[in-house]
Amino acid sequence: MDPTGADRDDLLAFLTTEEFPFHVRRTIAREDAAAAVDAGAFRDDEHDSWWLEHDTSGRIGMVRLEDLADPVPLFDLRIAGRSRGRGLGVPALRATTAHVFGTMPAVTRFEGQTREDNTAMRRVFDRAGWVQEAHYREAWPVEGGDPVGSVGYGMLRRDWETGTTTPVPWPPTTA
């Protein structure tokens, strides 16, 4: 994606005409989207973005990587409304994970977060082999509502390379 060049209008249209019910902002005003694009939020030293293209469905959404100067980047996955619920999240996350580990040798782990009530994305994480590592109570702001929990997931490079899952060594609880 060329967010400040050839893809700028398509990106702004996608961000401002779609509703993202489980993101911090359900809708994005054109001025806010344009300001973010122009400020480098979709491509600079810390960010990069790609369209998600499906063989038969065409463009189904986009993914943005964040914290690229860190050995533990994050991602923002946005599937278009017409493409949600069609089983495309798992292959999108797997392709994004393969891209990160396949092209960024310094990355040791890859992270993502979602709202506790976003059961579809939580299933995507599980089915793609990611491990739930955290649950932050009331940490996700909700427009016009009370905050909800934020659930953190991670994929270790070694787990991706070997196809295994390293469980989280939760300490025993004390009462």
N, C-alpha and C. Protein backbone atom coordinates (compact mmCIF):
# COMPACT_ATOMS: atom_id res chain seq x y z
N MET A 1 0.85 -1.18 0.00
CA MET A 1 0.00 0.00 0.00
C MET A 1 0.89 1.24 0.00
N ASP A 2 0.49 2.22 -0.76
CA ASP A 2 1.18 3.50 -0.79
C ASP A 2 0.23 4.54 -0.17
N PRO A 3 0.21 4.63 1.18
CA PRO A 3 -0.82 5.43 1.86
C PRO A 3 -0.81 6.93 1.57
N THR A 4 0.33 7.48 1.22
CA THR A 4 0.35 8.93 0.94
C THR A 4 0.39 9.22 -0.55
N GLY A 5 0.38 8.19 -1.36
CA GLY A 5 0.44 8.35 -2.81
C GLY A 5 -0.76 7.72 -3.49
N ALA A 6 -0.50 6.72 -4.30
CA ALA A 6 -1.52 6.12 -5.15
C ALA A 6 -2.70 5.52 -4.38
N ASP A 7 -2.48 5.06 -3.15
CA ASP A 7 -3.56 4.41 -2.38
C ASP A 7 -4.25 5.33 -1.39
N ARG A 8 -3.85 6.60 -1.34
CA ARG A 8 -4.39 7.50 -0.32
C ARG A 8 -5.91 7.59 -0.38
N ASP A 9 -6.48 7.85 -1.54
CA ASP A 9 -7.93 8.00 -1.64
C ASP A 9 -8.66 6.71 -1.27
N ASP A 10 -8.15 5.57 -1.73
CA ASP A 10 -8.77 4.29 -1.38
C ASP A 10 -8.68 4.02 0.12
N LEU A 11 -7.54 4.34 0.71
CA LEU A 11 -7.38 4.15 2.15
C LEU A 11 -8.33 5.04 2.92
N LEU A 12 -8.41 6.32 2.55
CA LEU A 12 -9.33 7.23 3.24
C LEU A 12 -10.78 6.76 3.08
N ALA A 13 -11.14 6.29 1.90
CA ALA A 13 -12.50 5.79 1.68
C ALA A 13 -12.76 4.57 2.56
N PHE A 14 -11.82 3.66 2.62
CA PHE A 14 -11.99 2.47 3.45
C PHE A 14 -12.15 2.85 4.92
N LEU A 15 -11.27 3.70 5.42
CA LEU A 15 -11.29 4.07 6.83
C LEU A 15 -12.54 4.85 7.21
N THR A 16 -13.09 5.62 6.29
CA THR A 16 -14.20 6.52 6.64
C THR A 16 -15.58 6.00 6.23
N THR A 17 -15.65 4.95 5.43
CA THR A 17 -16.97 4.42 5.06
C THR A 17 -17.29 3.11 5.77
N GLU A 18 -16.31 2.50 6.35
CA GLU A 18 -16.52 1.26 7.10
C GLU A 18 -16.76 1.58 8.57
N GLU A 19 -17.49 0.70 9.24
CA GLU A 19 -17.64 0.78 10.69
C GLU A 19 -16.82 -0.34 11.30
N PHE A 20 -16.07 0.00 12.34
CA PHE A 20 -15.21 -0.95 13.02
C PHE A 20 -15.69 -1.09 14.47
N PRO A 21 -16.68 -1.96 14.70
CA PRO A 21 -17.36 -1.99 15.99
C PRO A 21 -16.51 -2.37 17.18
N PHE A 22 -15.37 -3.02 16.98
CA PHE A 22 -14.55 -3.43 18.11
C PHE A 22 -13.24 -2.66 18.21
N HIS A 23 -13.10 -1.59 17.46
CA HIS A 23 -11.94 -0.71 17.59
C HIS A 23 -12.29 0.42 18.56
N VAL A 24 -11.28 1.13 19.00
CA VAL A 24 -11.53 2.23 19.94
C VAL A 24 -12.50 3.24 19.33
N ARG A 25 -12.35 3.50 18.04
CA ARG A 25 -13.28 4.40 17.34
C ARG A 25 -14.03 3.59 16.29
N ARG A 26 -15.34 3.50 16.46
CA ARG A 26 -16.18 2.72 15.53
C ARG A 26 -16.14 3.32 14.13
N THR A 27 -16.16 4.63 14.07
CA THR A 27 -16.13 5.33 12.78
C THR A 27 -15.03 6.38 12.85
N ILE A 28 -14.52 6.73 11.67
CA ILE A 28 -13.44 7.70 11.61
C ILE A 28 -13.85 8.81 10.65
N ALA A 29 -13.77 10.04 11.12
CA ALA A 29 -14.08 11.19 10.27
C ALA A 29 -12.97 11.34 9.23
N ARG A 30 -13.32 11.83 8.07
CA ARG A 30 -12.34 11.98 6.97
C ARG A 30 -11.16 12.86 7.39
N GLU A 31 -11.42 13.94 8.11
CA GLU A 31 -10.34 14.83 8.54
C GLU A 31 -9.36 14.10 9.45
N ASP A 32 -9.89 13.28 10.36
CA ASP A 32 -9.03 12.52 11.28
C ASP A 32 -8.23 11.47 10.54
N ALA A 33 -8.88 10.78 9.61
CA ALA A 33 -8.17 9.76 8.83
C ALA A 33 -7.07 10.40 7.99
N ALA A 34 -7.38 11.52 7.34
CA ALA A 34 -6.38 12.21 6.51
C ALA A 34 -5.21 12.69 7.36
N ALA A 35 -5.49 13.21 8.54
CA ALA A 35 -4.42 13.68 9.42
C ALA A 35 -3.52 12.51 9.84
N ALA A 36 -4.10 11.36 10.15
CA ALA A 36 -3.32 10.19 10.54
C ALA A 36 -2.45 9.70 9.38
N VAL A 37 -3.05 9.62 8.19
CA VAL A 37 -2.30 9.18 7.02
C VAL A 37 -1.14 10.13 6.75
N ASP A 38 -1.42 11.43 6.76
CA ASP A 38 -0.40 12.43 6.47
C ASP A 38 0.70 12.48 7.54
N ALA A 39 0.37 12.09 8.76
CA ALA A 39 1.35 12.09 9.85
C ALA A 39 2.22 10.83 9.86
N GLY A 40 1.95 9.89 8.95
CA GLY A 40 2.78 8.70 8.87
C GLY A 40 2.25 7.50 9.62
N ALA A 41 1.02 7.56 10.11
CA ALA A 41 0.48 6.46 10.91
C ALA A 41 0.30 5.17 10.11
N PHE A 42 0.41 5.24 8.79
CA PHE A 42 0.26 4.05 7.97
C PHE A 42 1.54 3.67 7.23
N ARG A 43 2.52 4.56 7.24
CA ARG A 43 3.85 4.22 6.74
C ARG A 43 4.84 5.28 7.19
N ASP A 44 5.75 4.85 8.03
CA ASP A 44 6.92 5.63 8.44
C ASP A 44 7.88 4.64 9.08
N ASP A 45 8.83 5.10 9.88
CA ASP A 45 9.79 4.18 10.50
C ASP A 45 9.15 3.21 11.47
N GLU A 46 8.01 3.58 12.02
CA GLU A 46 7.33 2.76 13.03
C GLU A 46 6.11 2.01 12.52
N HIS A 47 5.62 2.34 11.32
CA HIS A 47 4.38 1.77 10.79
C HIS A 47 4.54 1.35 9.34
N ASP A 48 3.77 0.33 8.96
CA ASP A 48 3.63 -0.02 7.55
C ASP A 48 2.28 -0.69 7.37
N SER A 49 1.73 -0.61 6.17
CA SER A 49 0.37 -1.09 5.92
C SER A 49 0.27 -1.79 4.59
N TRP A 50 -0.65 -2.74 4.54
CA TRP A 50 -0.91 -3.50 3.32
C TRP A 50 -2.41 -3.72 3.16
N TRP A 51 -2.83 -3.76 1.91
CA TRP A 51 -4.19 -4.20 1.62
C TRP A 51 -4.22 -5.72 1.76
N LEU A 52 -5.35 -6.23 2.19
CA LEU A 52 -5.57 -7.67 2.21
C LEU A 52 -6.38 -8.02 0.97
N GLU A 53 -5.78 -8.79 0.09
CA GLU A 53 -6.42 -9.17 -1.17
C GLU A 53 -6.72 -10.66 -1.14
N HIS A 54 -7.93 -11.02 -1.52
CA HIS A 54 -8.37 -12.41 -1.57
C HIS A 54 -8.47 -12.84 -3.03
N ASP A 55 -8.12 -14.09 -3.32
CA ASP A 55 -8.10 -14.58 -4.70
C ASP A 55 -9.42 -14.36 -5.43
N THR A 56 -10.55 -14.62 -4.77
CA THR A 56 -11.84 -14.50 -5.45
C THR A 56 -12.67 -13.30 -4.99
N SER A 57 -12.44 -12.85 -3.77
CA SER A 57 -13.24 -11.75 -3.22
C SER A 57 -12.63 -10.37 -3.43
N GLY A 58 -11.40 -10.31 -3.91
CA GLY A 58 -10.75 -9.02 -4.10
C GLY A 58 -10.28 -8.45 -2.77
N ARG A 59 -10.31 -7.14 -2.65
CA ARG A 59 -9.83 -6.46 -1.45
C ARG A 59 -10.82 -6.69 -0.30
N ILE A 60 -10.32 -7.29 0.77
CA ILE A 60 -11.20 -7.61 1.90
C ILE A 60 -10.89 -6.77 3.14
N GLY A 61 -9.82 -6.00 3.11
CA GLY A 61 -9.48 -5.20 4.27
C GLY A 61 -8.04 -4.73 4.20
N MET A 62 -7.51 -4.44 5.37
CA MET A 62 -6.13 -3.94 5.46
C MET A 62 -5.53 -4.35 6.80
N VAL A 63 -4.22 -4.36 6.83
CA VAL A 63 -3.49 -4.60 8.07
C VAL A 63 -2.42 -3.53 8.19
N ARG A 64 -2.25 -3.05 9.41
CA ARG A 64 -1.23 -2.04 9.69
C ARG A 64 -0.33 -2.59 10.79
N LEU A 65 0.96 -2.52 10.56
CA LEU A 65 1.93 -2.91 11.59
C LEU A 65 2.38 -1.67 12.33
N GLU A 66 2.60 -1.83 13.63
CA GLU A 66 3.00 -0.73 14.49
C GLU A 66 4.24 -1.13 15.28
N ASP A 67 4.97 -0.14 15.77
CA ASP A 67 6.17 -0.35 16.60
C ASP A 67 7.23 -1.16 15.86
N LEU A 68 7.47 -0.82 14.60
CA LEU A 68 8.41 -1.58 13.79
C LEU A 68 9.87 -1.41 14.19
N ALA A 69 10.20 -0.39 14.96
CA ALA A 69 11.57 -0.23 15.44
C ALA A 69 11.83 -1.09 16.67
N ASP A 70 10.81 -1.72 17.19
CA ASP A 70 10.88 -2.55 18.38
C ASP A 70 10.95 -4.02 17.94
N PRO A 71 11.61 -4.89 18.69
CA PRO A 71 11.63 -6.30 18.30
C PRO A 71 10.30 -7.01 18.52
N VAL A 72 9.31 -6.28 19.03
CA VAL A 72 7.98 -6.86 19.29
C VAL A 72 6.91 -5.94 18.70
N PRO A 73 6.68 -6.02 17.39
CA PRO A 73 5.66 -5.17 16.79
C PRO A 73 4.24 -5.64 17.11
N LEU A 74 3.29 -4.76 16.84
CA LEU A 74 1.86 -5.02 17.00
C LEU A 74 1.19 -4.90 15.64
N PHE A 75 -0.08 -5.30 15.57
CA PHE A 75 -0.80 -5.13 14.32
C PHE A 75 -2.21 -4.62 14.57
N ASP A 76 -2.78 -4.01 13.54
CA ASP A 76 -4.17 -3.56 13.51
C ASP A 76 -4.78 -4.17 12.27
N LEU A 77 -5.69 -5.11 12.45
CA LEU A 77 -6.35 -5.81 11.35
C LEU A 77 -7.76 -5.25 11.20
N ARG A 78 -8.10 -4.85 9.99
CA ARG A 78 -9.45 -4.32 9.72
C ARG A 78 -10.01 -5.03 8.49
N ILE A 79 -11.04 -5.83 8.72
CA ILE A 79 -11.73 -6.54 7.65
C ILE A 79 -12.98 -5.74 7.28
N ALA A 80 -13.21 -5.56 5.99
CA ALA A 80 -14.40 -4.83 5.52
C ALA A 80 -15.66 -5.56 5.99
N GLY A 81 -16.69 -4.79 6.29
CA GLY A 81 -17.94 -5.35 6.79
C GLY A 81 -18.49 -6.46 5.92
N ARG A 82 -18.45 -6.29 4.61
CA ARG A 82 -18.99 -7.29 3.68
C ARG A 82 -18.20 -8.60 3.72
N SER A 83 -16.97 -8.56 4.25
CA SER A 83 -16.11 -9.74 4.28
C SER A 83 -16.04 -10.40 5.65
N ARG A 84 -16.64 -9.80 6.66
CA ARG A 84 -16.60 -10.38 8.00
C ARG A 84 -17.49 -11.61 8.08
N GLY A 85 -17.11 -12.52 8.96
CA GLY A 85 -17.91 -13.72 9.17
C GLY A 85 -17.76 -14.77 8.07
N ARG A 86 -16.75 -14.63 7.23
CA ARG A 86 -16.54 -15.56 6.11
C ARG A 86 -15.27 -16.40 6.28
N GLY A 87 -14.70 -16.39 7.49
CA GLY A 87 -13.52 -17.21 7.74
C GLY A 87 -12.23 -16.65 7.17
N LEU A 88 -12.20 -15.35 6.90
CA LEU A 88 -11.01 -14.75 6.28
C LEU A 88 -10.01 -14.21 7.30
N GLY A 89 -10.41 -14.09 8.55
CA GLY A 89 -9.52 -13.54 9.57
C GLY A 89 -8.32 -14.42 9.85
N VAL A 90 -8.53 -15.73 9.93
CA VAL A 90 -7.42 -16.64 10.23
C VAL A 90 -6.36 -16.60 9.12
N PRO A 91 -6.74 -16.77 7.83
CA PRO A 91 -5.69 -16.67 6.82
C PRO A 91 -5.03 -15.29 6.76
N ALA A 92 -5.79 -14.24 7.05
CA ALA A 92 -5.21 -12.89 7.06
C ALA A 92 -4.17 -12.78 8.17
N LEU A 93 -4.49 -13.28 9.36
CA LEU A 93 -3.54 -13.21 10.47
C LEU A 93 -2.34 -14.11 10.21
N ARG A 94 -2.57 -15.29 9.66
CA ARG A 94 -1.44 -16.18 9.36
C ARG A 94 -0.52 -15.56 8.32
N ALA A 95 -1.08 -14.93 7.29
CA ALA A 95 -0.26 -14.29 6.26
C ALA A 95 0.52 -13.12 6.84
N THR A 96 -0.11 -12.36 7.72
CA THR A 96 0.57 -11.23 8.36
C THR A 96 1.70 -11.73 9.24
N THR A 97 1.45 -12.78 9.99
CA THR A 97 2.47 -13.36 10.86
C THR A 97 3.64 -13.88 10.02
N ALA A 98 3.35 -14.57 8.94
CA ALA A 98 4.40 -15.08 8.06
C ALA A 98 5.22 -13.94 7.45
N HIS A 99 4.53 -12.86 7.09
CA HIS A 99 5.26 -11.70 6.55
C HIS A 99 6.21 -11.13 7.59
N VAL A 100 5.70 -10.93 8.80
CA VAL A 100 6.53 -10.33 9.85
C VAL A 100 7.75 -11.19 10.14
N PHE A 101 7.54 -12.47 10.42
CA PHE A 101 8.67 -13.33 10.77
C PHE A 101 9.54 -13.66 9.56
N GLY A 102 8.96 -13.66 8.36
CA GLY A 102 9.71 -13.98 7.17
C GLY A 102 10.55 -12.84 6.62
N THR A 103 10.22 -11.59 7.00
CA THR A 103 10.95 -10.44 6.45
C THR A 103 11.62 -9.58 7.50
N MET A 104 11.38 -9.84 8.76
CA MET A 104 11.92 -9.01 9.84
C MET A 104 12.71 -9.89 10.81
N PRO A 105 13.96 -10.20 10.51
CA PRO A 105 14.72 -11.15 11.32
C PRO A 105 14.93 -10.72 12.77
N ALA A 106 14.86 -9.44 13.07
CA ALA A 106 15.07 -8.99 14.45
C ALA A 106 13.83 -9.18 15.32
N VAL A 107 12.69 -9.47 14.72
CA VAL A 107 11.45 -9.62 15.49
C VAL A 107 11.46 -10.99 16.17
N THR A 108 11.33 -10.96 17.49
CA THR A 108 11.34 -12.19 18.28
C THR A 108 9.95 -12.67 18.65
N ARG A 109 9.01 -11.75 18.67
CA ARG A 109 7.62 -12.09 18.98
C ARG A 109 6.73 -11.05 18.33
N PHE A 110 5.49 -11.38 18.15
CA PHE A 110 4.51 -10.53 17.47
C PHE A 110 3.30 -10.48 18.39
N GLU A 111 2.73 -9.29 18.57
CA GLU A 111 1.64 -9.13 19.52
C GLU A 111 0.40 -8.51 18.89
N GLY A 112 -0.72 -8.80 19.52
CA GLY A 112 -1.99 -8.19 19.13
C GLY A 112 -2.92 -8.14 20.32
N GLN A 113 -3.89 -7.23 20.24
CA GLN A 113 -4.88 -7.11 21.30
C GLN A 113 -6.24 -6.94 20.69
N THR A 114 -7.24 -7.35 21.45
CA THR A 114 -8.62 -7.14 21.05
C THR A 114 -9.46 -6.96 22.30
N ARG A 115 -10.67 -6.50 22.08
CA ARG A 115 -11.60 -6.35 23.20
C ARG A 115 -12.07 -7.72 23.68
N GLU A 116 -12.38 -7.79 24.97
CA GLU A 116 -12.83 -9.07 25.53
C GLU A 116 -14.14 -9.54 24.90
N ASP A 117 -14.95 -8.62 24.40
CA ASP A 117 -16.24 -9.01 23.81
C ASP A 117 -16.15 -9.26 22.30
N ASN A 118 -14.97 -9.16 21.72
CA ASN A 118 -14.78 -9.45 20.29
C ASN A 118 -14.48 -10.95 20.15
N THR A 119 -15.51 -11.75 20.31
CA THR A 119 -15.32 -13.20 20.28
C THR A 119 -14.82 -13.70 18.93
N ALA A 120 -15.20 -13.04 17.85
CA ALA A 120 -14.73 -13.46 16.52
C ALA A 120 -13.21 -13.32 16.43
N MET A 121 -12.66 -12.19 16.85
CA MET A 121 -11.22 -12.00 16.76
C MET A 121 -10.50 -12.90 17.75
N ARG A 122 -11.09 -13.15 18.88
CA ARG A 122 -10.46 -14.05 19.84
C ARG A 122 -10.36 -15.46 19.26
N ARG A 123 -11.39 -15.88 18.52
CA ARG A 123 -11.33 -17.18 17.84
C ARG A 123 -10.26 -17.17 16.75
N VAL A 124 -10.13 -16.05 16.04
CA VAL A 124 -9.09 -15.93 15.01
C VAL A 124 -7.72 -16.14 15.65
N PHE A 125 -7.45 -15.45 16.74
CA PHE A 125 -6.16 -15.63 17.42
C PHE A 125 -5.95 -17.10 17.78
N ASP A 126 -6.94 -17.72 18.40
CA ASP A 126 -6.80 -19.12 18.82
C ASP A 126 -6.55 -20.04 17.62
N ARG A 127 -7.35 -19.89 16.58
CA ARG A 127 -7.23 -20.77 15.41
C ARG A 127 -5.94 -20.55 14.63
N ALA A 128 -5.38 -19.35 14.74
CA ALA A 128 -4.11 -19.06 14.06
C ALA A 128 -2.90 -19.47 14.91
N GLY A 129 -3.14 -20.05 16.08
CA GLY A 129 -2.05 -20.55 16.91
C GLY A 129 -1.45 -19.55 17.88
N TRP A 130 -2.09 -18.39 18.03
CA TRP A 130 -1.59 -17.40 18.97
C TRP A 130 -2.01 -17.80 20.39
N VAL A 131 -1.28 -17.27 21.38
CA VAL A 131 -1.54 -17.61 22.79
C VAL A 131 -2.03 -16.37 23.53
N GLN A 132 -3.11 -16.56 24.28
CA GLN A 132 -3.57 -15.46 25.13
C GLN A 132 -2.58 -15.30 26.27
N GLU A 133 -2.07 -14.08 26.42
CA GLU A 133 -1.05 -13.82 27.43
C GLU A 133 -1.49 -12.84 28.50
N ALA A 134 -2.57 -12.12 28.26
CA ALA A 134 -2.96 -11.09 29.23
C ALA A 134 -4.44 -10.78 29.10
N HIS A 135 -4.99 -10.30 30.19
CA HIS A 135 -6.36 -9.78 30.20
C HIS A 135 -6.33 -8.54 31.09
N TYR A 136 -6.45 -7.39 30.44
CA TYR A 136 -6.39 -6.12 31.16
C TYR A 136 -7.81 -5.64 31.41
N ARG A 137 -8.23 -5.69 32.65
CA ARG A 137 -9.60 -5.33 33.00
C ARG A 137 -9.88 -3.85 32.76
N GLU A 138 -11.03 -3.58 32.11
CA GLU A 138 -11.51 -2.22 31.85
C GLU A 138 -10.44 -1.33 31.20
N ALA A 139 -9.65 -1.89 30.30
CA ALA A 139 -8.55 -1.14 29.69
C ALA A 139 -8.86 -0.63 28.29
N TRP A 140 -9.96 -1.07 27.68
CA TRP A 140 -10.27 -0.69 26.30
C TRP A 140 -11.38 0.35 26.33
N PRO A 141 -11.08 1.59 25.94
CA PRO A 141 -12.12 2.63 25.93
C PRO A 141 -13.21 2.30 24.92
N VAL A 142 -14.44 2.62 25.28
CA VAL A 142 -15.59 2.39 24.40
C VAL A 142 -16.33 3.72 24.25
N GLU A 143 -16.48 4.16 23.00
CA GLU A 143 -17.21 5.41 22.75
C GLU A 143 -18.62 5.31 23.32
N GLY A 144 -18.96 6.24 24.21
CA GLY A 144 -20.31 6.29 24.77
C GLY A 144 -20.62 5.19 25.76
N GLY A 145 -19.61 4.48 26.23
CA GLY A 145 -19.87 3.39 27.17
C GLY A 145 -18.73 3.19 28.14
N ASP A 146 -18.93 2.24 29.01
CA ASP A 146 -17.90 1.90 29.98
C ASP A 146 -16.78 1.13 29.29
N PRO A 147 -15.56 1.27 29.79
CA PRO A 147 -14.46 0.50 29.19
C PRO A 147 -14.67 -1.00 29.39
N VAL A 148 -14.13 -1.78 28.47
CA VAL A 148 -14.17 -3.24 28.57
C VAL A 148 -12.75 -3.75 28.66
N GLY A 149 -12.62 -5.03 28.94
CA GLY A 149 -11.30 -5.63 29.05
C GLY A 149 -10.59 -5.71 27.71
N SER A 150 -9.28 -5.60 27.75
CA SER A 150 -8.42 -5.77 26.58
C SER A 150 -7.68 -7.09 26.76
N VAL A 151 -7.70 -7.93 25.73
CA VAL A 151 -7.08 -9.25 25.81
C VAL A 151 -5.86 -9.26 24.90
N GLY A 152 -4.71 -9.58 25.47
CA GLY A 152 -3.46 -9.58 24.71
C GLY A 152 -3.06 -10.98 24.29
N TYR A 153 -2.61 -11.09 23.04
CA TYR A 153 -2.16 -12.36 22.47
C TYR A 153 -0.76 -12.19 21.91
N GLY A 154 -0.03 -13.28 21.83
CA GLY A 154 1.31 -13.22 21.27
C GLY A 154 1.65 -14.47 20.48
N MET A 155 2.59 -14.29 19.56
CA MET A 155 3.16 -15.40 18.79
C MET A 155 4.67 -15.27 18.89
N LEU A 156 5.32 -16.29 19.39
CA LEU A 156 6.77 -16.31 19.45
C LEU A 156 7.34 -16.77 18.11
N ARG A 157 8.46 -16.20 17.73
CA ARG A 157 9.11 -16.63 16.49
C ARG A 157 9.35 -18.14 16.50
N ARG A 158 9.87 -18.65 17.62
CA ARG A 158 10.19 -20.09 17.65
C ARG A 158 8.94 -20.94 17.52
N ASP A 159 7.82 -20.49 18.06
CA ASP A 159 6.57 -21.24 17.90
C ASP A 159 6.12 -21.21 16.45
N TRP A 160 6.24 -20.05 15.80
CA TRP A 160 5.86 -19.94 14.39
C TRP A 160 6.75 -20.84 13.53
N GLU A 161 8.06 -20.83 13.83
CA GLU A 161 9.00 -21.63 13.02
C GLU A 161 8.78 -23.13 13.19
N THR A 162 8.42 -23.55 14.39
CA THR A 162 8.29 -24.99 14.66
C THR A 162 6.85 -25.50 14.62
N GLY A 163 5.89 -24.59 14.60
CA GLY A 163 4.49 -25.02 14.62
C GLY A 163 4.04 -25.51 15.97
N THR A 164 4.76 -25.12 17.02
CA THR A 164 4.40 -25.52 18.38
C THR A 164 3.78 -24.35 19.13
N THR A 165 3.31 -24.61 20.31
CA THR A 165 2.76 -23.56 21.16
C THR A 165 3.42 -23.64 22.52
N THR A 166 4.11 -22.58 22.89
CA THR A 166 4.70 -22.49 24.21
C THR A 166 3.65 -21.88 25.15
N PRO A 167 3.21 -22.65 26.14
CA PRO A 167 2.18 -22.11 27.03
C PRO A 167 2.73 -21.02 27.94
N VAL A 168 1.84 -20.18 28.42
CA VAL A 168 2.20 -19.13 29.36
C VAL A 168 2.41 -19.79 30.73
N PRO A 169 3.55 -19.56 31.37
CA PRO A 169 3.81 -20.17 32.69
C PRO A 169 3.14 -19.37 33.81
N TRP A 170 1.81 -19.46 33.86
CA TRP A 170 1.09 -18.72 34.88
C TRP A 170 1.54 -19.16 36.26
N PRO A 171 1.84 -18.23 37.16
CA PRO A 171 2.24 -18.63 38.52
C PRO A 171 1.03 -19.16 39.28
N PRO A 172 1.28 -20.00 40.27
CA PRO A 172 0.15 -20.48 41.07
C PRO A 172 -0.48 -19.32 41.83
N THR A 173 -1.76 -19.37 42.00
CA THR A 173 -2.45 -18.32 42.74
C THR A 173 -2.36 -18.62 44.24
N THR A 174 -2.33 -17.54 45.01
CA THR A 174 -2.32 -17.70 46.46
C THR A 174 -3.58 -17.05 47.00
N ALA A 175 -4.10 -17.62 48.03
CA ALA A 175 -5.32 -17.08 48.62
C ALA A 175 -5.07 -16.59 50.00
